Amino acid sequence: MSKNRIKIEMPGLKIPIALMVDDPAPCINPLYYFRKQVNKIEAPTVGEGIPMIPEIPNDFLVQFVELVHQMGIKGKFSLLPYPAGLGSIETGLEGFKREDVEEFVSLVRDELTPNFDITPEVLTHTLALDLKTYKLKDISEHDWSQKQDRNTLREYIGEALRILKNVGIDANGVTSPCNFGQQVEEEYAGAILDAQKAINGRSLSWYFLHVEVEEKCVLPQLMHLDRASGEAVVSIVSGCGDHLWQTMGSLKTDEDYISAIADNYISSDGTKGRLLELFNNASYIVFHTHWQSLFSNGSRIGLKILKEVASRINRILGNRVIWMKCSEIARYFATAHSGV
């Protein structure tokens, strides 16, 4: 059979769907510390001057876990290894109780891993960490990364993977804080593979960096492939913006508000929404949000909206889609496309 007659089918003839949750860390609101450390805002606010809540309690993670199990959601969940330079999740964060950090990590490890890949993002998500002194540099991680080579990126990513491994989490992929590595993406992809091989003995990995909200069909990208050694790195691309971000600056919590934002993803009658557009164009349905978007500066309305979105997905798309972890998508895509 001629190569150009080969047709790659979706897994189980269903459209893969995955949710990626960026930025989670024990105890802290990651956006609060990003605003303070990177944006140099002493007292971060949301909306029309509403003070940003600096902490997110562990019971919110419990609520998220319950929703995931209830709805069968799968995908990726970040866990910052050295959040905001406050310390390692392995040894504790400055200013927070050790037991609270351990509880968060345990919940992620024991309750989320059946449904979610857990990834670093990358070490602090704020300022770059000096690996010799473990003090913060005066430059953001994402800006610092743009002038690094494969070796320095490998060392930095490797430290993130090592910390997660030491708390019992086998991270098979990497999430990029902001646009980390975008200007040196070839070096970045190679560094991820190098770090995975060194820390986890893994020859297939993936990463999340890109968001594409205009294209009708959004697919993963095979960024590195060595057929002889069986090595591959896949870029998992989000096809939808974070419509829950706006909930941080709003005081609305009514059902009409919930439904209106959910409509951006998939309308209740199944006629419109970005996820419907992706589905109708045989796209992989990968979408992302942020821990602080779900928390919504304390109202937690973002989590309620996610529940409505997941309910609509399951009701309208049903068995025509299949919830998958990002690692499962990466493995399927790399395997399916490596010989074509």
C-alpha atoms as a PDB file:
ATOM      1  CA  MET A   1       0.000   0.000   0.000  1.00  0.00           C
ATOM      2  CA  SER A   2       1.297   3.440  -0.884  1.00  0.00           C
ATOM      3  CA  LYS A   3       2.228   5.722   1.993  1.00  0.00           C
ATOM      4  CA  ASN A   4      -0.085   8.440   0.829  1.00  0.00           C
ATOM      5  CA  ARG A   5      -3.048   6.051   1.160  1.00  0.00           C
ATOM      6  CA  ILE A   6      -2.433   5.394   4.861  1.00  0.00           C
ATOM      7  CA  LYS A   7      -5.072   6.978   7.067  1.00  0.00           C
ATOM      8  CA  ILE A   8      -4.396   7.625  10.742  1.00  0.00           C
ATOM      9  CA  GLU A   9      -7.503   6.968  12.810  1.00  0.00           C
ATOM     10  CA  MET A  10      -8.309   8.387  16.241  1.00  0.00           C
ATOM     11  CA  PRO A  11      -7.914   6.009  19.224  1.00  0.00           C
ATOM     12  CA  GLY A  12     -10.906   3.685  19.349  1.00  0.00           C
ATOM     13  CA  LEU A  13     -12.401   5.801  16.545  1.00  0.00           C
ATOM     14  CA  LYS A  14     -13.195   8.426  19.191  1.00  0.00           C
ATOM     15  CA  ILE A  15     -11.964  12.009  19.518  1.00  0.00           C
ATOM     16  CA  PRO A  16      -9.428  12.343  22.374  1.00  0.00           C
ATOM     17  CA  ILE A  17     -10.274  15.007  24.947  1.00  0.00           C
ATOM     18  CA  ALA A  18      -8.109  16.254  27.800  1.00  0.00           C
ATOM     19  CA  LEU A  19      -8.105  19.053  30.367  1.00  0.00           C
ATOM     20  CA  MET A  20      -4.811  20.651  31.392  1.00  0.00           C
ATOM     21  CA  VAL A  21      -4.704  22.521  34.710  1.00  0.00           C
ATOM     22  CA  ASP A  22      -1.784  24.935  34.989  1.00  0.00           C
ATOM     23  CA  ASP A  23      -0.029  26.399  38.041  1.00  0.00           C
ATOM     24  CA  PRO A  24      -1.200  24.323  41.077  1.00  0.00           C
ATOM     25  CA  ALA A  25       1.024  24.415  44.147  1.00  0.00           C
ATOM     26  CA  PRO A  26       0.517  23.696  47.839  1.00  0.00           C
ATOM     27  CA  CYS A  27      -0.898  26.516  49.960  1.00  0.00           C
ATOM     28  CA  ILE A  28      -0.285  29.484  47.652  1.00  0.00           C
ATOM     29  CA  ASN A  29      -2.265  31.297  45.001  1.00  0.00           C
ATOM     30  CA  PRO A  30       0.379  31.101  42.251  1.00  0.00           C
ATOM     31  CA  LEU A  31      -0.878  34.221  40.453  1.00  0.00           C
ATOM     32  CA  TYR A  32      -0.515  36.310  43.617  1.00  0.00           C
ATOM     33  CA  TYR A  33       3.178  35.460  43.850  1.00  0.00           C
ATOM     34  CA  PHE A  34       3.670  35.882  40.090  1.00  0.00           C
ATOM     35  CA  ARG A  35       2.265  39.401  40.323  1.00  0.00           C
ATOM     36  CA  LYS A  36       4.486  40.212  43.315  1.00  0.00           C
ATOM     37  CA  GLN A  37       7.744  38.696  42.085  1.00  0.00           C
ATOM     38  CA  VAL A  38       7.585  39.006  38.301  1.00  0.00           C
ATOM     39  CA  ASN A  39       5.280  41.974  37.785  1.00  0.00           C
ATOM     40  CA  LYS A  40       6.631  43.769  40.909  1.00  0.00           C
ATOM     41  CA  ILE A  41       3.131  44.567  42.201  1.00  0.00           C
ATOM     42  CA  GLU A  42       3.266  44.874  45.977  1.00  0.00           C
ATOM     43  CA  ALA A  43      -0.458  44.358  46.591  1.00  0.00           C
ATOM     44  CA  PRO A  44      -1.983  42.394  43.691  1.00  0.00           C
ATOM     45  CA  THR A  45      -5.647  42.958  42.900  1.00  0.00           C
ATOM     46  CA  VAL A  46      -8.286  41.528  40.572  1.00  0.00           C
ATOM     47  CA  GLY A  47     -11.244  43.158  38.894  1.00  0.00           C
ATOM     48  CA  GLU A  48     -11.864  46.708  40.071  1.00  0.00           C
ATOM     49  CA  GLY A  49      -9.275  46.803  42.823  1.00  0.00           C
ATOM     50  CA  ILE A  50     -10.372  43.708  44.743  1.00  0.00           C
ATOM     51  CA  PRO A  51      -7.424  42.377  46.801  1.00  0.00           C
ATOM     52  CA  MET A  52      -6.138  39.075  45.445  1.00  0.00           C
ATOM     53  CA  ILE A  53      -6.311  36.230  47.961  1.00  0.00           C
ATOM     54  CA  PRO A  54      -2.724  34.981  48.477  1.00  0.00           C
ATOM     55  CA  GLU A  55      -3.528  31.425  49.579  1.00  0.00           C
ATOM     56  CA  ILE A  56      -5.638  28.538  48.282  1.00  0.00           C
ATOM     57  CA  PRO A  57      -6.631  26.021  50.993  1.00  0.00           C
ATOM     58  CA  ASN A  58      -6.318  22.272  50.554  1.00  0.00           C
ATOM     59  CA  ASP A  59     -10.058  21.709  50.760  1.00  0.00           C
ATOM     60  CA  PHE A  60     -10.295  23.283  47.311  1.00  0.00           C
ATOM     61  CA  LEU A  61      -8.098  20.478  45.964  1.00  0.00           C
ATOM     62  CA  VAL A  62     -10.447  18.008  47.647  1.00  0.00           C
ATOM     63  CA  GLN A  63     -13.355  19.589  45.771  1.00  0.00           C
ATOM     64  CA  PHE A  64     -11.448  19.375  42.486  1.00  0.00           C
ATOM     65  CA  VAL A  65     -10.631  15.698  43.072  1.00  0.00           C
ATOM     66  CA  GLU A  66     -14.303  14.945  43.760  1.00  0.00           C
ATOM     67  CA  LEU A  67     -15.319  16.652  40.510  1.00  0.00           C
ATOM     68  CA  VAL A  68     -12.702  14.772  38.499  1.00  0.00           C
ATOM     69  CA  HIS A  69     -13.893  11.425  39.822  1.00  0.00           C
ATOM     70  CA  GLN A  70     -17.547  12.324  39.345  1.00  0.00           C
ATOM     71  CA  MET A  71     -17.158  13.459  35.738  1.00  0.00           C
ATOM     72  CA  GLY A  72     -14.374  11.130  34.583  1.00  0.00           C
ATOM     73  CA  ILE A  73     -12.170  14.058  33.548  1.00  0.00           C
ATOM     74  CA  LYS A  74      -8.610  13.214  32.469  1.00  0.00           C
ATOM     75  CA  GLY A  75      -5.611  15.226  31.348  1.00  0.00           C
ATOM     76  CA  LYS A  76      -2.702  17.027  33.025  1.00  0.00           C
ATOM     77  CA  PHE A  77      -2.286  18.676  36.427  1.00  0.00           C
ATOM     78  CA  SER A  78       0.793  20.746  37.260  1.00  0.00           C
ATOM     79  CA  LEU A  79       2.608  20.607  40.582  1.00  0.00           C
ATOM     80  CA  LEU A  80       5.191  23.353  41.097  1.00  0.00           C
ATOM     81  CA  PRO A  81       8.320  21.725  42.577  1.00  0.00           C
ATOM     82  CA  TYR A  82       9.778  24.912  44.135  1.00  0.00           C
ATOM     83  CA  PRO A  83       6.809  27.315  44.139  1.00  0.00           C
ATOM     84  CA  ALA A  84       7.718  31.014  44.050  1.00  0.00           C
ATOM     85  CA  GLY A  85      11.152  30.182  45.485  1.00  0.00           C
ATOM     86  CA  LEU A  86       9.590  29.513  48.902  1.00  0.00           C
ATOM     87  CA  GLY A  87      11.150  26.075  49.128  1.00  0.00           C
ATOM     88  CA  SER A  88      10.882  22.574  47.756  1.00  0.00           C
ATOM     89  CA  ILE A  89       7.648  20.622  48.115  1.00  0.00           C
ATOM     90  CA  GLU A  90       9.956  17.852  49.307  1.00  0.00           C
ATOM     91  CA  THR A  91      11.155  19.765  52.386  1.00  0.00           C
ATOM     92  CA  GLY A  92       8.513  22.455  52.950  1.00  0.00           C
ATOM     93  CA  LEU A  93       7.597  26.033  52.022  1.00  0.00           C
ATOM     94  CA  GLU A  94       8.644  29.079  53.996  1.00  0.00           C
ATOM     95  CA  GLY A  95       5.720  30.487  55.968  1.00  0.00           C
ATOM     96  CA  PHE A  96       3.471  27.438  55.627  1.00  0.00           C
ATOM     97  CA  LYS A  97       2.870  24.337  57.711  1.00  0.00           C
ATOM     98  CA  ARG A  98       4.780  21.269  56.604  1.00  0.00           C
ATOM     99  CA  GLU A  99       1.688  19.087  57.071  1.00  0.00           C
ATOM    100  CA  ASP A 100      -0.335  21.284  54.697  1.00  0.00           C
ATOM    101  CA  VAL A 101       2.305  20.899  51.990  1.00  0.00           C
ATOM    102  CA  GLU A 102       2.474  17.146  52.543  1.00  0.00           C
ATOM    103  CA  GLU A 103      -1.318  16.841  52.449  1.00  0.00           C
ATOM    104  CA  PHE A 104      -1.521  18.658  49.101  1.00  0.00           C
ATOM    105  CA  VAL A 105       1.223  16.494  47.586  1.00  0.00           C
ATOM    106  CA  SER A 106      -0.383  13.316  48.918  1.00  0.00           C
ATOM    107  CA  LEU A 107      -3.772  14.227  47.476  1.00  0.00           C
ATOM    108  CA  VAL A 108      -2.228  14.898  44.080  1.00  0.00           C
ATOM    109  CA  ARG A 109      -0.159  11.703  44.143  1.00  0.00           C
ATOM    110  CA  ASP A 110      -2.813   9.352  45.524  1.00  0.00           C
ATOM    111  CA  GLU A 111      -6.087  10.778  44.205  1.00  0.00           C
ATOM    112  CA  LEU A 112      -5.290  12.504  40.899  1.00  0.00           C
ATOM    113  CA  THR A 113      -2.720  10.257  39.210  1.00  0.00           C
ATOM    114  CA  PRO A 114      -5.308   7.722  38.019  1.00  0.00           C
ATOM    115  CA  ASN A 115      -6.817  10.484  35.860  1.00  0.00           C
ATOM    116  CA  PHE A 116      -4.081  13.076  35.417  1.00  0.00           C
ATOM    117  CA  ASP A 117      -0.436  13.189  34.430  1.00  0.00           C
ATOM    118  CA  ILE A 118       1.392  15.294  37.018  1.00  0.00           C
ATOM    119  CA  THR A 119       4.061  17.614  35.607  1.00  0.00           C
ATOM    120  CA  PRO A 120       6.434  20.278  36.869  1.00  0.00           C
ATOM    121  CA  GLU A 121       5.915  23.847  35.571  1.00  0.00           C
ATOM    122  CA  VAL A 122       9.028  24.190  35.629  1.00  0.00           C
ATOM    123  CA  LEU A 123      10.488  24.954  39.097  1.00  0.00           C
ATOM    124  CA  THR A 124       9.104  28.179  40.602  1.00  0.00           C
ATOM    125  CA  HIS A 125       6.749  29.604  37.935  1.00  0.00           C
ATOM    126  CA  THR A 126       7.972  33.055  38.967  1.00  0.00           C
ATOM    127  CA  LEU A 127      11.643  34.028  39.002  1.00  0.00           C
ATOM    128  CA  ALA A 128      14.380  31.703  37.796  1.00  0.00           C
ATOM    129  CA  LEU A 129      16.053  29.639  40.499  1.00  0.00           C
ATOM    130  CA  ASP A 130      19.850  29.589  40.863  1.00  0.00           C
ATOM    131  CA  LEU A 131      20.602  25.880  41.202  1.00  0.00           C
ATOM    132  CA  LYS A 132      23.882  26.574  43.003  1.00  0.00           C
ATOM    133  CA  THR A 133      22.468  28.764  45.770  1.00  0.00           C
ATOM    134  CA  TYR A 134      18.722  27.989  45.512  1.00  0.00           C
ATOM    135  CA  LYS A 135      18.033  31.695  45.582  1.00  0.00           C
ATOM    136  CA  LEU A 136      15.856  33.515  43.085  1.00  0.00           C
ATOM    137  CA  LYS A 137      17.451  35.373  40.191  1.00  0.00           C
ATOM    138  CA  ASP A 138      16.197  38.813  39.171  1.00  0.00           C
ATOM    139  CA  ILE A 139      14.672  37.470  35.960  1.00  0.00           C
ATOM    140  CA  SER A 140      11.552  35.421  35.311  1.00  0.00           C
ATOM    141  CA  GLU A 141      11.894  31.742  34.485  1.00  0.00           C
ATOM    142  CA  HIS A 142      10.339  32.233  31.076  1.00  0.00           C
ATOM    143  CA  ASP A 143      12.596  35.166  30.134  1.00  0.00           C
ATOM    144  CA  TRP A 144      15.670  33.360  31.458  1.00  0.00           C
ATOM    145  CA  SER A 145      14.864  30.277  29.390  1.00  0.00           C
ATOM    146  CA  GLN A 146      14.973  32.081  26.035  1.00  0.00           C
ATOM    147  CA  LYS A 147      18.771  32.427  26.139  1.00  0.00           C
ATOM    148  CA  GLN A 148      19.625  28.964  27.464  1.00  0.00           C
ATOM    149  CA  ASP A 149      21.037  25.975  25.635  1.00  0.00           C
ATOM    150  CA  ARG A 150      20.113  22.315  25.795  1.00  0.00           C
ATOM    151  CA  ASN A 151      22.502  21.586  28.658  1.00  0.00           C
ATOM    152  CA  THR A 152      21.360  24.344  31.010  1.00  0.00           C
ATOM    153  CA  LEU A 153      17.718  23.602  30.263  1.00  0.00           C
ATOM    154  CA  ARG A 154      18.315  19.892  30.864  1.00  0.00           C
ATOM    155  CA  GLU A 155      19.782  20.639  34.288  1.00  0.00           C
ATOM    156  CA  TYR A 156      16.895  22.947  35.221  1.00  0.00           C
ATOM    157  CA  ILE A 157      14.189  20.555  34.028  1.00  0.00           C
ATOM    158  CA  GLY A 158      16.016  17.638  35.600  1.00  0.00           C
ATOM    159  CA  GLU A 159      15.902  19.303  39.020  1.00  0.00           C
ATOM    160  CA  ALA A 160      12.135  19.742  38.665  1.00  0.00           C
ATOM    161  CA  LEU A 161      11.677  16.085  37.705  1.00  0.00           C
ATOM    162  CA  ARG A 162      13.938  14.985  40.566  1.00  0.00           C
ATOM    163  CA  ILE A 163      11.908  16.839  43.199  1.00  0.00           C
ATOM    164  CA  LEU A 164       8.668  15.308  41.954  1.00  0.00           C
ATOM    165  CA  LYS A 165      10.260  11.861  41.853  1.00  0.00           C
ATOM    166  CA  ASN A 166      11.401  12.284  45.455  1.00  0.00           C
ATOM    167  CA  VAL A 167       7.799  12.881  46.578  1.00  0.00           C
ATOM    168  CA  GLY A 168       6.619   9.792  44.718  1.00  0.00           C
ATOM    169  CA  ILE A 169       5.465  11.343  41.450  1.00  0.00           C
ATOM    170  CA  ASP A 170       6.735  10.046  38.122  1.00  0.00           C
ATOM    171  CA  ALA A 171       6.349  13.085  35.879  1.00  0.00           C
ATOM    172  CA  ASN A 172       6.246  11.917  32.260  1.00  0.00           C
ATOM    173  CA  GLY A 173       5.924  15.413  30.772  1.00  0.00           C
ATOM    174  CA  VAL A 174       6.689  19.081  31.373  1.00  0.00           C
ATOM    175  CA  THR A 175       4.505  22.182  31.427  1.00  0.00           C
ATOM    176  CA  SER A 176       5.961  25.518  30.356  1.00  0.00           C
ATOM    177  CA  PRO A 177       5.394  28.494  32.668  1.00  0.00           C
ATOM    178  CA  CYS A 178       4.227  31.269  30.317  1.00  0.00           C
ATOM    179  CA  ASN A 179       6.269  30.937  27.102  1.00  0.00           C
ATOM    180  CA  PHE A 180       9.212  29.085  28.676  1.00  0.00           C
ATOM    181  CA  GLY A 181      11.581  27.837  25.977  1.00  0.00           C
ATOM    182  CA  GLN A 182       9.595  29.159  23.032  1.00  0.00           C
ATOM    183  CA  GLN A 183      12.490  31.014  21.388  1.00  0.00           C
ATOM    184  CA  VAL A 184      14.768  27.966  21.747  1.00  0.00           C
ATOM    185  CA  GLU A 185      12.116  25.295  21.307  1.00  0.00           C
ATOM    186  CA  GLU A 186      14.318  22.760  19.543  1.00  0.00           C
ATOM    187  CA  GLU A 187      16.823  22.956  22.405  1.00  0.00           C
ATOM    188  CA  TYR A 188      13.956  22.857  24.899  1.00  0.00           C
ATOM    189  CA  ALA A 189      12.415  19.701  23.434  1.00  0.00           C
ATOM    190  CA  GLY A 190      15.812  18.017  23.411  1.00  0.00           C
ATOM    191  CA  ALA A 191      16.457  19.061  27.000  1.00  0.00           C
ATOM    192  CA  ILE A 192      13.143  17.539  28.115  1.00  0.00           C
ATOM    193  CA  LEU A 193      14.135  14.220  26.548  1.00  0.00           C
ATOM    194  CA  ASP A 194      17.610  14.365  28.105  1.00  0.00           C
ATOM    195  CA  ALA A 195      16.209  15.135  31.542  1.00  0.00           C
ATOM    196  CA  GLN A 196      13.592  12.396  31.312  1.00  0.00           C
ATOM    197  CA  LYS A 197      16.200   9.842  30.302  1.00  0.00           C
ATOM    198  CA  ALA A 198      18.489  10.878  33.159  1.00  0.00           C
ATOM    199  CA  ILE A 199      15.901  11.129  35.947  1.00  0.00           C
ATOM    200  CA  ASN A 200      13.132   8.734  34.961  1.00  0.00           C
ATOM    201  CA  GLY A 201      14.752   6.479  32.357  1.00  0.00           C
ATOM    202  CA  ARG A 202      12.086   7.516  29.860  1.00  0.00           C
ATOM    203  CA  SER A 203      12.523   7.768  26.076  1.00  0.00           C
ATOM    204  CA  LEU A 204       9.094   9.232  25.260  1.00  0.00           C
ATOM    205  CA  SER A 205       8.015  12.552  26.712  1.00  0.00           C
ATOM    206  CA  TRP A 206       5.760  15.503  25.965  1.00  0.00           C
ATOM    207  CA  TYR A 207       5.299  19.130  26.919  1.00  0.00           C
ATOM    208  CA  PHE A 208       2.670  21.864  26.927  1.00  0.00           C
ATOM    209  CA  LEU A 209       3.735  25.244  25.573  1.00  0.00           C
ATOM    210  CA  HIS A 210       1.437  26.330  22.734  1.00  0.00           C
ATOM    211  CA  VAL A 211      -2.164  27.520  22.621  1.00  0.00           C
ATOM    212  CA  GLU A 212      -3.974  27.749  19.277  1.00  0.00           C
ATOM    213  CA  VAL A 213      -7.414  29.366  19.377  1.00  0.00           C
ATOM    214  CA  GLU A 214      -7.890  30.226  15.691  1.00  0.00           C
ATOM    215  CA  GLU A 215      -7.267  27.000  13.776  1.00  0.00           C
ATOM    216  CA  LYS A 216     -10.302  24.781  13.348  1.00  0.00           C
ATOM    217  CA  CYS A 217      -8.268  21.592  13.717  1.00  0.00           C
ATOM    218  CA  VAL A 218      -5.530  21.505  16.355  1.00  0.00           C
ATOM    219  CA  LEU A 219      -3.281  18.446  16.585  1.00  0.00           C
ATOM    220  CA  PRO A 220      -0.256  17.498  18.688  1.00  0.00           C
ATOM    221  CA  GLN A 221       3.141  18.067  17.077  1.00  0.00           C
ATOM    222  CA  LEU A 222       5.933  15.504  16.859  1.00  0.00           C
ATOM    223  CA  MET A 223       8.937  17.650  17.813  1.00  0.00           C
ATOM    224  CA  HIS A 224      11.613  14.955  18.033  1.00  0.00           C
ATOM    225  CA  LEU A 225      11.725  11.410  16.700  1.00  0.00           C
ATOM    226  CA  ASP A 226      14.505   8.855  16.598  1.00  0.00           C
ATOM    227  CA  ARG A 227      12.999   5.642  15.251  1.00  0.00           C
ATOM    228  CA  ALA A 228      16.145   3.610  15.797  1.00  0.00           C
ATOM    229  CA  SER A 229      16.299   4.315  19.531  1.00  0.00           C
ATOM    230  CA  GLY A 230      12.555   4.664  20.030  1.00  0.00           C
ATOM    231  CA  GLU A 231      12.855   8.228  21.324  1.00  0.00           C
ATOM    232  CA  ALA A 232      10.209  10.882  20.816  1.00  0.00           C
ATOM    233  CA  VAL A 233       9.010  14.222  22.201  1.00  0.00           C
ATOM    234  CA  VAL A 234       5.493  15.449  21.491  1.00  0.00           C
ATOM    235  CA  SER A 235       4.147  18.979  21.853  1.00  0.00           C
ATOM    236  CA  ILE A 236       0.594  18.870  23.222  1.00  0.00           C
ATOM    237  CA  VAL A 237      -1.264  21.969  21.995  1.00  0.00           C
ATOM    238  CA  SER A 238      -4.263  23.508  23.725  1.00  0.00           C
ATOM    239  CA  GLY A 239      -6.982  24.428  21.274  1.00  0.00           C
ATOM    240  CA  CYS A 240      -8.984  26.682  23.576  1.00  0.00           C
ATOM    241  CA  GLY A 241      -8.294  29.745  25.691  1.00  0.00           C
ATOM    242  CA  ASP A 242      -8.943  29.900  29.435  1.00  0.00           C
ATOM    243  CA  HIS A 243     -12.423  31.421  29.631  1.00  0.00           C
ATOM    244  CA  LEU A 244     -12.474  30.807  33.387  1.00  0.00           C
ATOM    245  CA  TRP A 245      -9.695  33.377  33.943  1.00  0.00           C
ATOM    246  CA  GLN A 246     -12.257  36.200  33.997  1.00  0.00           C
ATOM    247  CA  THR A 247     -13.981  34.734  37.067  1.00  0.00           C
ATOM    248  CA  MET A 248     -11.170  36.022  39.287  1.00  0.00           C
ATOM    249  CA  GLY A 249     -12.290  39.598  38.737  1.00  0.00           C
ATOM    250  CA  SER A 250     -16.027  39.044  38.911  1.00  0.00           C
ATOM    251  CA  LEU A 251     -18.435  38.895  41.838  1.00  0.00           C
ATOM    252  CA  LYS A 252     -21.071  37.073  39.774  1.00  0.00           C
ATOM    253  CA  THR A 253     -21.993  33.555  40.864  1.00  0.00           C
ATOM    254  CA  ASP A 254     -25.505  33.081  39.475  1.00  0.00           C
ATOM    255  CA  GLU A 255     -26.621  30.289  37.149  1.00  0.00           C
ATOM    256  CA  ASP A 256     -26.887  32.608  34.133  1.00  0.00           C
ATOM    257  CA  TYR A 257     -23.244  33.619  34.610  1.00  0.00           C
ATOM    258  CA  ILE A 258     -22.168  29.989  34.900  1.00  0.00           C
ATOM    259  CA  SER A 259     -24.066  29.046  31.760  1.00  0.00           C
ATOM    260  CA  ALA A 260     -22.817  32.034  29.742  1.00  0.00           C
ATOM    261  CA  ILE A 261     -19.161  31.240  30.369  1.00  0.00           C
ATOM    262  CA  ALA A 262     -19.713  27.521  29.807  1.00  0.00           C
ATOM    263  CA  ASP A 263     -21.206  28.417  26.409  1.00  0.00           C
ATOM    264  CA  ASN A 264     -17.741  29.528  25.275  1.00  0.00           C
ATOM    265  CA  TYR A 265     -16.709  25.877  25.515  1.00  0.00           C
ATOM    266  CA  ILE A 266     -19.916  24.055  24.587  1.00  0.00           C
ATOM    267  CA  SER A 267     -23.460  25.390  24.626  1.00  0.00           C
ATOM    268  CA  SER A 268     -26.159  23.499  26.498  1.00  0.00           C
ATOM    269  CA  ASP A 269     -27.939  22.673  23.223  1.00  0.00           C
ATOM    270  CA  GLY A 270     -24.748  21.410  21.578  1.00  0.00           C
ATOM    271  CA  THR A 271     -24.786  23.896  18.702  1.00  0.00           C
ATOM    272  CA  LYS A 272     -21.801  26.129  19.418  1.00  0.00           C
ATOM    273  CA  GLY A 273     -18.644  26.622  21.482  1.00  0.00           C
ATOM    274  CA  ARG A 274     -14.932  26.180  20.850  1.00  0.00           C
ATOM    275  CA  LEU A 275     -14.879  22.534  21.951  1.00  0.00           C
ATOM    276  CA  LEU A 276     -17.741  21.781  19.546  1.00  0.00           C
ATOM    277  CA  GLU A 277     -15.787  23.481  16.749  1.00  0.00           C
ATOM    278  CA  LEU A 278     -12.764  21.309  17.478  1.00  0.00           C
ATOM    279  CA  PHE A 279     -14.905  18.168  17.625  1.00  0.00           C
ATOM    280  CA  ASN A 280     -16.650  18.945  14.336  1.00  0.00           C
ATOM    281  CA  ASN A 281     -13.285  19.355  12.608  1.00  0.00           C
ATOM    282  CA  ALA A 282     -11.822  16.057  13.844  1.00  0.00           C
ATOM    283  CA  SER A 283      -9.402  17.894  16.109  1.00  0.00           C
ATOM    284  CA  TYR A 284      -7.923  16.599  19.311  1.00  0.00           C
ATOM    285  CA  ILE A 285      -9.924  18.414  22.011  1.00  0.00           C
ATOM    286  CA  VAL A 286      -7.283  19.641  24.429  1.00  0.00           C
ATOM    287  CA  PHE A 287      -8.128  22.651  26.565  1.00  0.00           C
ATOM    288  CA  HIS A 288      -6.533  24.302  29.565  1.00  0.00           C
ATOM    289  CA  THR A 289      -7.288  26.416  32.583  1.00  0.00           C
ATOM    290  CA  HIS A 290      -5.411  27.629  35.660  1.00  0.00           C
ATOM    291  CA  TRP A 291      -5.611  26.754  39.340  1.00  0.00           C
ATOM    292  CA  GLN A 292      -6.403  30.373  40.179  1.00  0.00           C
ATOM    293  CA  SER A 293      -9.087  30.468  37.463  1.00  0.00           C
ATOM    294  CA  LEU A 294     -10.897  27.583  39.125  1.00  0.00           C
ATOM    295  CA  PHE A 295     -10.507  29.168  42.579  1.00  0.00           C
ATOM    296  CA  SER A 296     -11.856  32.496  41.270  1.00  0.00           C
ATOM    297  CA  ASN A 297     -10.313  34.563  44.081  1.00  0.00           C
ATOM    298  CA  GLY A 298     -12.246  32.596  46.666  1.00  0.00           C
ATOM    299  CA  SER A 299     -15.695  32.287  45.074  1.00  0.00           C
ATOM    300  CA  ARG A 300     -14.735  28.959  43.445  1.00  0.00           C
ATOM    301  CA  ILE A 301     -17.189  29.713  40.666  1.00  0.00           C
ATOM    302  CA  GLY A 302     -14.622  28.605  38.077  1.00  0.00           C
ATOM    303  CA  LEU A 303     -14.845  25.074  39.469  1.00  0.00           C
ATOM    304  CA  LYS A 304     -18.649  25.174  39.169  1.00  0.00           C
ATOM    305  CA  ILE A 305     -18.324  26.288  35.566  1.00  0.00           C
ATOM    306  CA  LEU A 306     -15.903  23.441  34.857  1.00  0.00           C
ATOM    307  CA  LYS A 307     -18.464  21.025  36.288  1.00  0.00           C
ATOM    308  CA  GLU A 308     -21.091  22.429  33.915  1.00  0.00           C
ATOM    309  CA  VAL A 309     -18.694  22.188  30.945  1.00  0.00           C
ATOM    310  CA  ALA A 310     -17.762  18.579  31.781  1.00  0.00           C
ATOM    311  CA  SER A 311     -21.424  17.690  32.223  1.00  0.00           C
ATOM    312  CA  ARG A 312     -22.251  19.113  28.798  1.00  0.00           C
ATOM    313  CA  ILE A 313     -19.321  17.298  27.191  1.00  0.00           C
ATOM    314  CA  ASN A 314     -20.406  13.963  28.641  1.00  0.00           C
ATOM    315  CA  ARG A 315     -24.080  14.524  27.788  1.00  0.00           C
ATOM    316  CA  ILE A 316     -23.688  15.940  24.270  1.00  0.00           C
ATOM    317  CA  LEU A 317     -20.560  14.212  22.964  1.00  0.00           C
ATOM    318  CA  GLY A 318     -20.860  11.077  25.078  1.00  0.00           C
ATOM    319  CA  ASN A 319     -19.144   8.015  23.641  1.00  0.00           C
ATOM    320  CA  ARG A 320     -17.978   9.920  20.574  1.00  0.00           C
ATOM    321  CA  VAL A 321     -15.089  11.283  22.656  1.00  0.00           C
ATOM    322  CA  ILE A 322     -12.635   9.590  24.997  1.00  0.00           C
ATOM    323  CA  TRP A 323     -11.063  11.316  27.993  1.00  0.00           C
ATOM    324  CA  MET A 324      -7.302  10.696  27.951  1.00  0.00           C
ATOM    325  CA  LYS A 325      -4.208  11.713  29.878  1.00  0.00           C
ATOM    326  CA  CYS A 326      -1.766  13.846  27.899  1.00  0.00           C
ATOM    327  CA  SER A 327       0.831  11.061  28.051  1.00  0.00           C
ATOM    328  CA  GLU A 328      -1.683   8.701  26.439  1.00  0.00           C
ATOM    329  CA  ILE A 329      -2.311  11.224  23.678  1.00  0.00           C
ATOM    330  CA  ALA A 330       1.438  11.714  23.180  1.00  0.00           C
ATOM    331  CA  ARG A 331       2.139   7.987  22.995  1.00  0.00           C
ATOM    332  CA  TYR A 332      -0.709   7.340  20.568  1.00  0.00           C
ATOM    333  CA  PHE A 333       0.220  10.263  18.333  1.00  0.00           C
ATOM    334  CA  ALA A 334       3.937   9.415  18.297  1.00  0.00           C
ATOM    335  CA  THR A 335       3.262   5.755  17.567  1.00  0.00           C
ATOM    336  CA  ALA A 336       0.692   6.470  14.872  1.00  0.00           C
ATOM    337  CA  HIS A 337       2.802   9.055  13.067  1.00  0.00           C
ATOM    338  CA  SER A 338       6.330   7.727  13.531  1.00  0.00           C
ATOM    339  CA  GLY A 339       6.113   5.420  10.544  1.00  0.00           C
ATOM    340  CA  VAL A 340       4.211   7.666   8.149  1.00  0.00           C
END
